[in-house]
Amino acid sequence: MPPAASRAIDNLDDDDYPAYTMGRAAEMLGTTPAFLRALGEHRLITPLRSEGGHRRYSRYQLRIAARARELVDQGTPIEAACRIIILEDQLEEAQRINEELRARGHEREPSA
């Protein structure tokens, strides 16, 4: 196992590492902790919990929360904003899988 210092540095590069407290995440997004809690209630993001039970957010989760904030700021109700983002994510994943399947299909086709 690498020394603790190198693991800490690796965590800084990890988009999924829960590095931000709720207060810091809200401050970075220019929103309130209640907004972040609402995103969790609507199952858009699920923060990890520290040993003390405090919510911790990753950079990836903050990007999703920022997208939700954009939609809410434009007048979209929070429930709808969460659903839109979930559907956008599902569409992106489906398109990625579709592209992979197409690429595999082209690999298997005999050349003429």
C-alpha atoms as a PDB file:
ATOM      1  CA  MET A   1       0.000   0.000   0.000  1.00  0.00           C
ATOM      2  CA  PRO A   2       1.421   3.452  -0.893  1.00  0.00           C
ATOM      3  CA  PRO A   3       2.341   5.817   1.927  1.00  0.00           C
ATOM      4  CA  ALA A   4      -0.485   7.976   3.291  1.00  0.00           C
ATOM      5  CA  ALA A   5       1.025  11.140   1.771  1.00  0.00           C
ATOM      6  CA  SER A   6       0.917   9.753  -1.779  1.00  0.00           C
ATOM      7  CA  ARG A   7      -2.656   8.444  -1.270  1.00  0.00           C
ATOM      8  CA  ALA A   8      -3.705  11.962  -0.216  1.00  0.00           C
ATOM      9  CA  ILE A   9      -2.188  13.432  -3.383  1.00  0.00           C
ATOM     10  CA  ASP A  10      -3.933  10.782  -5.496  1.00  0.00           C
ATOM     11  CA  ASN A  11      -7.246  11.742  -3.872  1.00  0.00           C
ATOM     12  CA  LEU A  12      -6.820  15.329  -5.077  1.00  0.00           C
ATOM     13  CA  ASP A  13      -6.968  14.073  -8.665  1.00  0.00           C
ATOM     14  CA  ASP A  14      -9.963  11.807  -8.029  1.00  0.00           C
ATOM     15  CA  ASP A  15     -13.254  13.331  -9.264  1.00  0.00           C
ATOM     16  CA  ASP A  16     -15.190  10.929  -7.053  1.00  0.00           C
ATOM     17  CA  TYR A  17     -13.284  11.566  -3.824  1.00  0.00           C
ATOM     18  CA  PRO A  18     -15.654  13.165  -1.263  1.00  0.00           C
ATOM     19  CA  ALA A  19     -13.419  16.111  -0.429  1.00  0.00           C
ATOM     20  CA  TYR A  20     -15.941  18.869   0.265  1.00  0.00           C
ATOM     21  CA  THR A  21     -18.106  19.453   3.314  1.00  0.00           C
ATOM     22  CA  MET A  22     -21.679  20.566   2.805  1.00  0.00           C
ATOM     23  CA  GLY A  23     -20.838  24.119   3.857  1.00  0.00           C
ATOM     24  CA  ARG A  24     -17.860  24.349   1.526  1.00  0.00           C
ATOM     25  CA  ALA A  25     -19.811  22.772  -1.356  1.00  0.00           C
ATOM     26  CA  ALA A  26     -22.691  25.226  -0.872  1.00  0.00           C
ATOM     27  CA  GLU A  27     -20.246  28.128  -0.739  1.00  0.00           C
ATOM     28  CA  MET A  28     -18.497  26.991  -3.934  1.00  0.00           C
ATOM     29  CA  LEU A  29     -21.845  26.714  -5.744  1.00  0.00           C
ATOM     30  CA  GLY A  30     -23.206  29.969  -4.328  1.00  0.00           C
ATOM     31  CA  THR A  31     -26.180  28.162  -2.865  1.00  0.00           C
ATOM     32  CA  THR A  32     -27.415  26.908   0.498  1.00  0.00           C
ATOM     33  CA  PRO A  33     -26.976  23.613   2.318  1.00  0.00           C
ATOM     34  CA  ALA A  34     -30.760  23.199   2.006  1.00  0.00           C
ATOM     35  CA  PHE A  35     -30.397  23.187  -1.790  1.00  0.00           C
ATOM     36  CA  LEU A  36     -27.820  20.384  -1.560  1.00  0.00           C
ATOM     37  CA  ARG A  37     -30.063  18.434   0.818  1.00  0.00           C
ATOM     38  CA  ALA A  38     -32.947  18.832  -1.660  1.00  0.00           C
ATOM     39  CA  LEU A  39     -30.793  17.393  -4.460  1.00  0.00           C
ATOM     40  CA  GLY A  40     -30.172  14.391  -2.233  1.00  0.00           C
ATOM     41  CA  GLU A  41     -33.874  14.030  -1.432  1.00  0.00           C
ATOM     42  CA  HIS A  42     -34.604  13.944  -5.171  1.00  0.00           C
ATOM     43  CA  ARG A  43     -31.847  11.348  -5.604  1.00  0.00           C
ATOM     44  CA  LEU A  44     -29.802  13.459  -7.979  1.00  0.00           C
ATOM     45  CA  ILE A  45     -26.675  13.194  -5.847  1.00  0.00           C
ATOM     46  CA  THR A  46     -25.975  11.035  -2.820  1.00  0.00           C
ATOM     47  CA  PRO A  47     -23.182  12.466  -0.711  1.00  0.00           C
ATOM     48  CA  LEU A  48     -20.930  10.144   1.191  1.00  0.00           C
ATOM     49  CA  ARG A  49     -20.919  10.403   4.952  1.00  0.00           C
ATOM     50  CA  SER A  50     -17.877  11.059   7.092  1.00  0.00           C
ATOM     51  CA  GLU A  51     -17.249   8.903  10.154  1.00  0.00           C
ATOM     52  CA  GLY A  52     -19.108  11.577  12.124  1.00  0.00           C
ATOM     53  CA  GLY A  53     -22.116  11.372   9.768  1.00  0.00           C
ATOM     54  CA  HIS A  54     -21.491  14.654   7.920  1.00  0.00           C
ATOM     55  CA  ARG A  55     -22.230  14.894   4.206  1.00  0.00           C
ATOM     56  CA  ARG A  56     -19.181  15.020   1.931  1.00  0.00           C
ATOM     57  CA  TYR A  57     -19.309  15.867  -1.792  1.00  0.00           C
ATOM     58  CA  SER A  58     -17.020  15.044  -4.694  1.00  0.00           C
ATOM     59  CA  ARG A  59     -16.074  17.312  -7.607  1.00  0.00           C
ATOM     60  CA  TYR A  60     -18.263  15.179  -9.859  1.00  0.00           C
ATOM     61  CA  GLN A  61     -21.241  15.714  -7.557  1.00  0.00           C
ATOM     62  CA  LEU A  62     -20.541  19.444  -7.455  1.00  0.00           C
ATOM     63  CA  ARG A  63     -20.648  19.605 -11.256  1.00  0.00           C
ATOM     64  CA  ILE A  64     -24.059  17.899 -11.213  1.00  0.00           C
ATOM     65  CA  ALA A  65     -25.270  20.252  -8.475  1.00  0.00           C
ATOM     66  CA  ALA A  66     -24.027  23.242 -10.498  1.00  0.00           C
ATOM     67  CA  ARG A  67     -26.059  22.043 -13.502  1.00  0.00           C
ATOM     68  CA  ALA A  68     -29.133  21.712 -11.272  1.00  0.00           C
ATOM     69  CA  ARG A  69     -28.556  25.208  -9.943  1.00  0.00           C
ATOM     70  CA  GLU A  70     -28.404  26.585 -13.514  1.00  0.00           C
ATOM     71  CA  LEU A  71     -31.762  25.025 -14.321  1.00  0.00           C
ATOM     72  CA  VAL A  72     -33.347  26.208 -11.068  1.00  0.00           C
ATOM     73  CA  ASP A  73     -31.960  29.716 -11.626  1.00  0.00           C
ATOM     74  CA  GLN A  74     -33.667  29.673 -15.042  1.00  0.00           C
ATOM     75  CA  GLY A  75     -37.004  28.961 -13.359  1.00  0.00           C
ATOM     76  CA  THR A  76     -37.159  25.164 -13.542  1.00  0.00           C
ATOM     77  CA  PRO A  77     -38.643  23.598 -10.395  1.00  0.00           C
ATOM     78  CA  ILE A  78     -36.036  21.600  -8.495  1.00  0.00           C
ATOM     79  CA  GLU A  79     -37.907  18.301  -9.006  1.00  0.00           C
ATOM     80  CA  ALA A  80     -37.963  18.853 -12.769  1.00  0.00           C
ATOM     81  CA  ALA A  81     -34.318  19.976 -12.828  1.00  0.00           C
ATOM     82  CA  CYS A  82     -33.272  16.771 -11.092  1.00  0.00           C
ATOM     83  CA  ARG A  83     -35.313  14.656 -13.510  1.00  0.00           C
ATOM     84  CA  ILE A  84     -33.880  16.490 -16.532  1.00  0.00           C
ATOM     85  CA  ILE A  85     -30.323  15.882 -15.371  1.00  0.00           C
ATOM     86  CA  ILE A  86     -31.008  12.205 -14.643  1.00  0.00           C
ATOM     87  CA  LEU A  87     -32.524  11.769 -18.118  1.00  0.00           C
ATOM     88  CA  GLU A  88     -29.623  13.628 -19.764  1.00  0.00           C
ATOM     89  CA  ASP A  89     -27.203  11.313 -17.977  1.00  0.00           C
ATOM     90  CA  GLN A  90     -29.149   8.207 -19.047  1.00  0.00           C
ATOM     91  CA  LEU A  91     -29.232   9.437 -22.650  1.00  0.00           C
ATOM     92  CA  GLU A  92     -25.491  10.091 -22.641  1.00  0.00           C
ATOM     93  CA  GLU A  93     -24.837   6.591 -21.274  1.00  0.00           C
ATOM     94  CA  ALA A  94     -27.144   4.993 -23.861  1.00  0.00           C
ATOM     95  CA  GLN A  95     -25.397   6.874 -26.662  1.00  0.00           C
ATOM     96  CA  ARG A  96     -21.992   5.750 -25.359  1.00  0.00           C
ATOM     97  CA  ILE A  97     -23.119   2.107 -25.242  1.00  0.00           C
ATOM     98  CA  ASN A  98     -24.662   2.406 -28.699  1.00  0.00           C
ATOM     99  CA  GLU A  99     -21.408   3.776 -30.092  1.00  0.00           C
ATOM    100  CA  GLU A 100     -19.418   0.943 -28.489  1.00  0.00           C
ATOM    101  CA  LEU A 101     -21.776  -1.647 -29.976  1.00  0.00           C
ATOM    102  CA  ARG A 102     -21.506  -0.043 -33.413  1.00  0.00           C
ATOM    103  CA  ALA A 103     -17.714  -0.059 -33.171  1.00  0.00           C
ATOM    104  CA  ARG A 104     -17.726  -3.762 -32.233  1.00  0.00           C
ATOM    105  CA  GLY A 105     -20.079  -4.511 -35.113  1.00  0.00           C
ATOM    106  CA  HIS A 106     -17.704  -2.829 -37.571  1.00  0.00           C
ATOM    107  CA  GLU A 107     -14.791  -4.861 -36.174  1.00  0.00           C
ATOM    108  CA  ARG A 108     -16.637  -8.117 -36.836  1.00  0.00           C
ATOM    109  CA  GLU A 109     -17.764  -7.316 -40.385  1.00  0.00           C
ATOM    110  CA  PRO A 110     -15.660  -9.070 -43.019  1.00  0.00           C
ATOM    111  CA  SER A 111     -13.876  -6.654 -45.311  1.00  0.00           C
ATOM    112  CA  ALA A 112     -14.964  -6.677 -48.922  1.00  0.00           C
END
